[in-house]
Amino acid sequence: MIPEALELLNEICDDNTVPKNIRNKIRNTVLILKEEKENSLKVNESLQELDEISDDPNISSYTRAQIWNVVSILESIK
């Protein structure tokens, strides 16, 4: 499940229409998910980061939907 979430997050990072600050936060989330620690810790940290991102008013509705998709994947891991 984490590789699937990482793939979706990387797609968002590669999208030039996504604001730079959002892409930076997404990259940070990717780094969190790649860390060598327990999955539940990685997932919780990532969910907090993604929750912050989805509240950003500069994000497009399409990108927000992609982020919610990643959130649902990560929540299924918990």
N, C-alpha and C. Protein backbone atom coordinates (compact mmCIF):
# COMPACT_ATOMS: atom_id res chain seq x y z
N MET A 1 0.81 -1.20 0.00
CA MET A 1 0.00 0.00 0.00
C MET A 1 0.85 1.27 0.00
N ILE A 2 1.94 1.25 0.76
CA ILE A 2 2.80 2.45 0.81
C ILE A 2 3.40 2.74 -0.56
N PRO A 3 3.86 1.72 -1.31
CA PRO A 3 4.37 2.03 -2.66
C PRO A 3 3.32 2.68 -3.57
N GLU A 4 2.07 2.27 -3.43
CA GLU A 4 0.99 2.87 -4.22
C GLU A 4 0.81 4.34 -3.84
N ALA A 5 0.85 4.61 -2.53
CA ALA A 5 0.72 6.00 -2.06
C ALA A 5 1.90 6.83 -2.55
N LEU A 6 3.10 6.26 -2.51
CA LEU A 6 4.29 6.98 -2.97
C LEU A 6 4.19 7.32 -4.46
N GLU A 7 3.67 6.38 -5.23
CA GLU A 7 3.52 6.62 -6.67
C GLU A 7 2.57 7.79 -6.93
N LEU A 8 1.46 7.83 -6.22
CA LEU A 8 0.51 8.93 -6.39
C LEU A 8 1.10 10.26 -5.94
N LEU A 9 1.84 10.25 -4.83
CA LEU A 9 2.48 11.47 -4.35
C LEU A 9 3.52 11.97 -5.33
N ASN A 10 4.26 11.05 -5.94
CA ASN A 10 5.26 11.45 -6.94
C ASN A 10 4.60 12.06 -8.17
N GLU A 11 3.43 11.56 -8.54
CA GLU A 11 2.69 12.15 -9.66
C GLU A 11 2.33 13.61 -9.36
N ILE A 12 1.91 13.87 -8.11
CA ILE A 12 1.57 15.23 -7.72
C ILE A 12 2.82 16.11 -7.78
N CYS A 13 3.95 15.58 -7.30
CA CYS A 13 5.21 16.35 -7.31
C CYS A 13 5.64 16.70 -8.74
N ASP A 14 5.36 15.82 -9.67
CA ASP A 14 5.77 16.03 -11.06
C ASP A 14 4.85 16.97 -11.82
N ASP A 15 3.72 17.32 -11.23
CA ASP A 15 2.74 18.18 -11.88
C ASP A 15 3.13 19.66 -11.68
N ASN A 16 3.51 20.31 -12.76
CA ASN A 16 3.96 21.70 -12.68
C ASN A 16 2.84 22.70 -12.38
N THR A 17 1.59 22.26 -12.46
CA THR A 17 0.49 23.16 -12.13
C THR A 17 0.24 23.25 -10.62
N VAL A 18 0.85 22.34 -9.87
CA VAL A 18 0.73 22.36 -8.41
C VAL A 18 1.69 23.42 -7.87
N PRO A 19 1.22 24.28 -6.97
CA PRO A 19 2.10 25.32 -6.41
C PRO A 19 3.36 24.72 -5.76
N LYS A 20 4.44 25.47 -5.85
CA LYS A 20 5.74 24.98 -5.38
C LYS A 20 5.72 24.62 -3.90
N ASN A 21 5.06 25.42 -3.07
CA ASN A 21 5.04 25.11 -1.64
C ASN A 21 4.31 23.79 -1.36
N ILE A 22 3.29 23.49 -2.16
CA ILE A 22 2.57 22.22 -2.01
C ILE A 22 3.46 21.07 -2.43
N ARG A 23 4.16 21.24 -3.55
CA ARG A 23 5.07 20.17 -4.00
C ARG A 23 6.15 19.90 -2.97
N ASN A 24 6.66 20.96 -2.33
CA ASN A 24 7.68 20.77 -1.29
C ASN A 24 7.13 19.97 -0.12
N LYS A 25 5.90 20.27 0.28
CA LYS A 25 5.29 19.53 1.38
C LYS A 25 5.04 18.07 0.98
N ILE A 26 4.66 17.86 -0.27
CA ILE A 26 4.45 16.50 -0.76
C ILE A 26 5.77 15.74 -0.75
N ARG A 27 6.85 16.40 -1.18
CA ARG A 27 8.18 15.75 -1.15
C ARG A 27 8.56 15.37 0.28
N ASN A 28 8.23 16.23 1.22
CA ASN A 28 8.50 15.93 2.63
C ASN A 28 7.71 14.70 3.07
N THR A 29 6.48 14.60 2.63
CA THR A 29 5.65 13.44 2.95
C THR A 29 6.25 12.17 2.36
N VAL A 30 6.77 12.27 1.13
CA VAL A 30 7.42 11.12 0.49
C VAL A 30 8.61 10.67 1.34
N LEU A 31 9.41 11.63 1.80
CA LEU A 31 10.57 11.30 2.63
C LEU A 31 10.14 10.62 3.93
N ILE A 32 9.06 11.09 4.52
CA ILE A 32 8.55 10.47 5.74
C ILE A 32 8.18 9.01 5.48
N LEU A 33 7.50 8.76 4.37
CA LEU A 33 7.07 7.39 4.05
C LEU A 33 8.23 6.47 3.71
N LYS A 34 9.35 7.03 3.30
CA LYS A 34 10.52 6.21 2.95
C LYS A 34 11.44 5.96 4.14
N GLU A 35 11.16 6.60 5.28
CA GLU A 35 12.01 6.43 6.46
C GLU A 35 11.96 4.99 6.96
N GLU A 36 13.04 4.62 7.64
CA GLU A 36 13.13 3.28 8.22
C GLU A 36 12.58 3.29 9.64
N LYS A 37 11.28 3.31 9.76
CA LYS A 37 10.63 3.17 11.06
C LYS A 37 9.31 2.46 10.88
N GLU A 38 8.64 2.22 11.98
CA GLU A 38 7.40 1.46 11.95
C GLU A 38 6.35 2.12 11.04
N ASN A 39 5.63 1.29 10.30
CA ASN A 39 4.64 1.80 9.34
C ASN A 39 3.61 2.71 9.99
N SER A 40 3.13 2.36 11.17
CA SER A 40 2.08 3.17 11.80
C SER A 40 2.59 4.58 12.11
N LEU A 41 3.85 4.71 12.50
CA LEU A 41 4.42 6.03 12.76
C LEU A 41 4.53 6.84 11.47
N LYS A 42 5.02 6.18 10.42
CA LYS A 42 5.15 6.87 9.12
C LYS A 42 3.80 7.32 8.61
N VAL A 43 2.82 6.45 8.73
CA VAL A 43 1.48 6.76 8.23
C VAL A 43 0.88 7.93 9.00
N ASN A 44 1.01 7.92 10.32
CA ASN A 44 0.45 9.01 11.13
C ASN A 44 1.10 10.35 10.80
N GLU A 45 2.41 10.37 10.68
CA GLU A 45 3.11 11.61 10.32
C GLU A 45 2.67 12.09 8.94
N SER A 46 2.57 11.18 8.00
CA SER A 46 2.17 11.53 6.64
C SER A 46 0.74 12.06 6.59
N LEU A 47 -0.14 11.44 7.34
CA LEU A 47 -1.54 11.89 7.37
C LEU A 47 -1.65 13.30 7.93
N GLN A 48 -0.86 13.61 8.93
CA GLN A 48 -0.86 14.98 9.48
C GLN A 48 -0.40 15.97 8.42
N GLU A 49 0.66 15.63 7.71
CA GLU A 49 1.20 16.50 6.67
C GLU A 49 0.17 16.68 5.55
N LEU A 50 -0.45 15.60 5.11
CA LEU A 50 -1.42 15.67 4.02
C LEU A 50 -2.67 16.44 4.44
N ASP A 51 -3.05 16.34 5.70
CA ASP A 51 -4.20 17.09 6.19
C ASP A 51 -3.93 18.59 6.09
N GLU A 52 -2.72 18.99 6.46
CA GLU A 52 -2.31 20.40 6.33
C GLU A 52 -2.38 20.85 4.88
N ILE A 53 -1.87 20.01 3.99
CA ILE A 53 -1.81 20.36 2.56
C ILE A 53 -3.22 20.51 2.00
N SER A 54 -4.11 19.60 2.35
CA SER A 54 -5.46 19.63 1.77
C SER A 54 -6.26 20.85 2.22
N ASP A 55 -5.84 21.48 3.32
CA ASP A 55 -6.51 22.70 3.79
C ASP A 55 -6.01 23.96 3.09
N ASP A 56 -4.96 23.86 2.32
CA ASP A 56 -4.37 25.02 1.65
C ASP A 56 -5.34 25.56 0.59
N PRO A 57 -5.65 26.86 0.62
CA PRO A 57 -6.61 27.43 -0.34
C PRO A 57 -6.05 27.53 -1.77
N ASN A 58 -4.73 27.42 -1.94
CA ASN A 58 -4.13 27.54 -3.27
C ASN A 58 -4.13 26.24 -4.06
N ILE A 59 -4.63 25.19 -3.48
CA ILE A 59 -4.59 23.88 -4.13
C ILE A 59 -5.83 23.71 -5.03
N SER A 60 -5.63 23.11 -6.18
CA SER A 60 -6.76 22.89 -7.10
C SER A 60 -7.63 21.74 -6.58
N SER A 61 -8.85 21.71 -7.03
CA SER A 61 -9.76 20.65 -6.58
C SER A 61 -9.28 19.27 -7.05
N TYR A 62 -8.67 19.22 -8.23
CA TYR A 62 -8.15 17.94 -8.75
C TYR A 62 -7.02 17.44 -7.86
N THR A 63 -6.10 18.32 -7.49
CA THR A 63 -4.98 17.93 -6.64
C THR A 63 -5.48 17.54 -5.26
N ARG A 64 -6.45 18.27 -4.75
CA ARG A 64 -7.03 17.95 -3.44
C ARG A 64 -7.65 16.54 -3.48
N ALA A 65 -8.32 16.21 -4.57
CA ALA A 65 -8.90 14.87 -4.71
C ALA A 65 -7.81 13.80 -4.75
N GLN A 66 -6.70 14.09 -5.42
CA GLN A 66 -5.58 13.15 -5.44
C GLN A 66 -5.03 12.93 -4.03
N ILE A 67 -4.92 14.02 -3.28
CA ILE A 67 -4.40 13.92 -1.91
C ILE A 67 -5.36 13.11 -1.05
N TRP A 68 -6.66 13.33 -1.19
CA TRP A 68 -7.64 12.55 -0.43
C TRP A 68 -7.55 11.07 -0.79
N ASN A 69 -7.25 10.78 -2.04
CA ASN A 69 -7.07 9.39 -2.46
C ASN A 69 -5.88 8.77 -1.71
N VAL A 70 -4.78 9.51 -1.62
CA VAL A 70 -3.61 9.02 -0.88
C VAL A 70 -3.95 8.85 0.59
N VAL A 71 -4.70 9.80 1.15
CA VAL A 71 -5.11 9.71 2.55
C VAL A 71 -5.91 8.44 2.79
N SER A 72 -6.83 8.12 1.91
CA SER A 72 -7.65 6.92 2.09
C SER A 72 -6.80 5.65 2.00
N ILE A 73 -5.80 5.66 1.13
CA ILE A 73 -4.88 4.52 1.04
C ILE A 73 -4.11 4.36 2.35
N LEU A 74 -3.59 5.47 2.85
CA LEU A 74 -2.80 5.41 4.08
C LEU A 74 -3.66 5.03 5.28
N GLU A 75 -4.89 5.51 5.32
CA GLU A 75 -5.78 5.16 6.44
C GLU A 75 -6.12 3.67 6.44
N SER A 76 -6.11 3.05 5.28
CA SER A 76 -6.40 1.61 5.23
C SER A 76 -5.23 0.80 5.80
N ILE A 77 -4.06 1.40 5.89
CA ILE A 77 -2.89 0.72 6.45
C ILE A 77 -2.96 0.69 7.97
N LYS A 78 -3.51 1.75 8.56
CA LYS A 78 -3.57 1.87 10.03
C LYS A 78 -4.10 0.67 10.67
